Amino acid sequence: MMEIDWQKLLIPSDSVVEVMVRGTLVYLLLFVTMRFLPRRAMGGVGPSDLLIVVLIADAVQQAMAGSYESVTEGIVLAGTLIFWAVFIDWLDFRFPRLHISDGKQIPLARDGKLIRRNLARQKITEDEVMSQLRQHGLHSLRQVEAVYLEGDGQFSVLLRGGVVPAQRPDRQQPA
């Protein structure tokens, strides 16, 4: 049987601070990049949610596969990534006007008319907006006061007179 080298397994071969700095730089670079992707590309998953899952999976995989000399380095890297995710969520909670992880809502239509400049910026077609209207039980922009692309990539639709159309069954909020 093979013996376990506990020292190699648990004692970091690199500086723990270096692992934290590397994790911080990669996380922040990817976070900033993903934050400014068109929202439609992200769907209902926030950029920080997706980023933390991918990076922690890689960090833990590296530690488990032995690319790091010790499990401790993988744990330190995962902890660093979790710290940044929690810290950015806290900043969003503490300073909501900054819209750090999720952007502000973007108007796509107002008073029955599309705002083509915003559609182009977000790479959304008129057909996609009309599809969202149909999913909200509407068949014409004339019925709409406003359509917004929310920070999480979802669409919000307001009817004329401030009425909100019924949500699709798969998007209803729990009571």
Protein backbone atom coordinates (compact mmCIF):
# COMPACT_ATOMS: atom_id res chain seq x y z
CA MET A 1 0.00 0.00 0.00
CA MET A 2 1.02 3.55 -0.64
CA GLU A 3 1.64 5.79 2.30
CA ILE A 4 0.22 9.29 2.51
CA ASP A 5 2.72 12.13 2.68
CA TRP A 6 0.80 14.24 5.22
CA GLN A 7 3.33 17.06 5.13
CA LYS A 8 3.09 17.41 1.35
CA LEU A 9 -0.70 17.07 1.54
CA LEU A 10 -1.26 19.76 4.18
CA ILE A 11 1.74 22.13 4.10
CA PRO A 12 1.52 24.71 1.27
CA SER A 13 4.39 24.64 -1.21
CA ASP A 14 3.74 28.25 -2.27
CA SER A 15 3.16 31.33 -0.19
CA VAL A 16 -0.42 31.43 1.09
CA VAL A 17 -0.41 35.18 0.44
CA GLU A 18 0.57 34.54 -3.20
CA VAL A 19 -2.35 32.13 -3.59
CA MET A 20 -4.69 34.77 -2.15
CA VAL A 21 -3.32 37.50 -4.44
CA ARG A 22 -3.63 35.23 -7.50
CA GLY A 23 -7.21 34.35 -6.56
CA THR A 24 -8.07 38.00 -5.96
CA LEU A 25 -6.64 39.16 -9.29
CA VAL A 26 -8.39 36.42 -11.28
CA TYR A 27 -11.70 36.92 -9.48
CA LEU A 28 -11.76 40.69 -9.88
CA LEU A 29 -10.66 40.56 -13.53
CA LEU A 30 -13.36 38.02 -14.41
CA PHE A 31 -15.95 39.82 -12.28
CA VAL A 32 -15.39 43.13 -14.06
CA THR A 33 -15.45 41.39 -17.44
CA MET A 34 -18.70 39.54 -16.68
CA ARG A 35 -20.32 42.60 -15.11
CA PHE A 36 -20.25 44.41 -18.42
CA LEU A 37 -21.42 41.54 -20.64
CA PRO A 38 -24.86 42.09 -22.13
CA ARG A 39 -27.39 40.94 -19.53
CA ARG A 40 -29.21 38.67 -21.92
CA ALA A 41 -26.06 36.54 -22.06
CA MET A 42 -26.27 35.98 -18.30
CA GLY A 43 -29.95 35.04 -18.04
CA GLY A 44 -31.25 34.61 -14.51
CA VAL A 45 -27.88 33.86 -12.93
CA GLY A 46 -26.00 36.83 -11.58
CA PRO A 47 -22.41 37.28 -12.75
CA SER A 48 -20.99 36.84 -9.26
CA ASP A 49 -23.01 33.62 -8.78
CA LEU A 50 -21.72 32.06 -11.97
CA LEU A 51 -18.19 33.27 -11.40
CA ILE A 52 -17.90 31.91 -7.88
CA VAL A 53 -19.21 28.49 -8.92
CA VAL A 54 -16.75 28.20 -11.81
CA LEU A 55 -13.72 29.47 -9.91
CA ILE A 56 -14.34 27.45 -6.75
CA ALA A 57 -14.90 24.34 -8.85
CA ASP A 58 -11.55 24.92 -10.53
CA ALA A 59 -9.75 25.73 -7.27
CA VAL A 60 -11.08 22.62 -5.55
CA GLN A 61 -10.37 20.48 -8.61
CA GLN A 62 -6.78 21.72 -8.70
CA ALA A 63 -6.37 20.91 -5.01
CA MET A 64 -7.95 17.47 -5.38
CA ALA A 65 -6.04 16.57 -8.55
CA GLY A 66 -2.72 17.53 -7.02
CA SER A 67 -1.82 20.46 -9.28
CA TYR A 68 -1.23 22.31 -6.05
CA GLU A 69 1.24 20.70 -3.73
CA SER A 70 -1.22 20.80 -0.83
CA VAL A 71 -4.93 20.73 -0.18
CA THR A 72 -4.38 23.81 1.97
CA GLU A 73 -3.60 25.93 -1.12
CA GLY A 74 -6.90 24.93 -2.73
CA ILE A 75 -8.77 25.70 0.47
CA VAL A 76 -7.06 29.10 0.79
CA LEU A 77 -7.91 29.91 -2.84
CA ALA A 78 -11.54 28.83 -2.42
CA GLY A 79 -11.75 30.90 0.79
CA THR A 80 -10.33 33.93 -1.03
CA LEU A 81 -12.92 33.57 -3.79
CA ILE A 82 -15.75 33.18 -1.29
CA PHE A 83 -14.51 36.26 0.58
CA TRP A 84 -14.71 38.39 -2.59
CA ALA A 85 -18.16 37.07 -3.49
CA VAL A 86 -19.50 37.80 0.01
CA PHE A 87 -17.76 41.18 0.16
CA ILE A 88 -19.21 42.30 -3.18
CA ASP A 89 -22.69 41.12 -2.09
CA TRP A 90 -22.25 43.11 1.13
CA LEU A 91 -21.20 46.21 -0.87
CA ASP A 92 -24.33 45.79 -3.03
CA PHE A 93 -26.47 45.56 0.10
CA ARG A 94 -24.77 48.44 1.90
CA PHE A 95 -24.57 50.75 -1.14
CA PRO A 96 -27.44 49.68 -3.43
CA ARG A 97 -27.08 52.70 -5.71
CA LEU A 98 -23.66 51.51 -6.85
CA HIS A 99 -25.15 48.47 -8.67
CA ILE A 100 -21.85 46.62 -8.38
CA SER A 101 -22.88 43.06 -9.28
CA ASP A 102 -26.19 43.71 -11.03
CA GLY A 103 -26.75 46.77 -13.12
CA LYS A 104 -29.69 49.12 -13.07
CA GLN A 105 -32.78 48.22 -15.03
CA ILE A 106 -32.62 49.34 -18.65
CA PRO A 107 -35.77 50.60 -20.37
CA LEU A 108 -36.39 48.73 -23.63
CA ALA A 109 -39.80 50.25 -24.44
CA ARG A 110 -41.72 53.23 -23.18
CA ASP A 111 -45.27 54.35 -24.04
CA GLY A 112 -45.67 51.61 -26.63
CA LYS A 113 -42.42 52.39 -28.49
CA LEU A 114 -39.16 50.48 -28.51
CA ILE A 115 -36.00 52.24 -27.40
CA ARG A 116 -33.79 50.94 -30.19
CA ARG A 117 -30.56 52.36 -28.79
CA ASN A 118 -30.94 50.29 -25.60
CA LEU A 119 -31.96 47.21 -27.59
CA ALA A 120 -28.80 47.50 -29.69
CA ARG A 121 -26.58 47.96 -26.63
CA GLN A 122 -27.97 44.82 -25.04
CA LYS A 123 -28.08 42.84 -28.31
CA ILE A 124 -31.83 42.27 -27.99
CA THR A 125 -34.04 42.06 -31.07
CA GLU A 126 -37.58 43.35 -31.45
CA ASP A 127 -38.70 39.73 -31.82
CA GLU A 128 -37.24 38.91 -28.41
CA VAL A 129 -39.13 41.79 -26.79
CA MET A 130 -42.34 40.69 -28.51
CA SER A 131 -41.73 37.13 -27.29
CA GLN A 132 -41.48 38.44 -23.73
CA LEU A 133 -44.72 40.37 -24.18
CA ARG A 134 -46.50 37.23 -25.41
CA GLN A 135 -45.14 35.31 -22.41
CA HIS A 136 -46.74 37.99 -20.22
CA GLY A 137 -50.06 37.51 -22.05
CA LEU A 138 -49.77 40.59 -24.27
CA HIS A 139 -49.84 40.84 -28.04
CA SER A 140 -48.98 44.46 -28.75
CA LEU A 141 -46.61 47.17 -27.59
CA ARG A 142 -49.60 49.53 -27.56
CA GLN A 143 -50.74 47.83 -24.33
CA VAL A 144 -47.41 48.60 -22.66
CA GLU A 145 -46.32 51.59 -20.64
CA ALA A 146 -42.79 50.23 -20.16
CA VAL A 147 -40.58 47.18 -20.66
CA TYR A 148 -37.38 46.91 -18.64
CA LEU A 149 -34.42 44.59 -18.76
CA GLU A 150 -33.67 44.05 -15.08
CA GLY A 151 -30.20 43.74 -13.58
CA ASP A 152 -30.55 39.95 -13.41
CA GLY A 153 -31.37 39.63 -17.13
CA GLN A 154 -35.14 39.17 -16.68
CA PHE A 155 -37.78 41.32 -18.36
CA SER A 156 -40.35 43.40 -16.47
CA VAL A 157 -43.47 44.61 -18.23
CA LEU A 158 -45.79 47.38 -17.02
CA LEU A 159 -49.15 47.92 -18.66
CA ARG A 160 -50.62 51.32 -19.26
CA GLY A 161 -52.11 52.67 -16.05
CA GLY A 162 -49.44 50.99 -13.90
CA VAL A 163 -50.99 47.51 -14.06
CA VAL A 164 -48.53 44.61 -13.99
CA PRO A 165 -49.46 41.66 -16.23
CA ALA A 166 -49.65 38.18 -14.77
CA GLN A 167 -46.33 36.37 -14.68
CA ARG A 168 -45.72 33.13 -16.50
CA PRO A 169 -46.35 30.12 -14.23
CA ASP A 170 -42.63 29.22 -14.17
CA ARG A 171 -41.67 32.74 -12.98
CA GLN A 172 -44.22 33.34 -10.25
CA GLN A 173 -42.90 34.36 -6.89
CA PRO A 174 -43.72 32.15 -3.88
CA ALA A 175 -46.53 33.45 -1.68
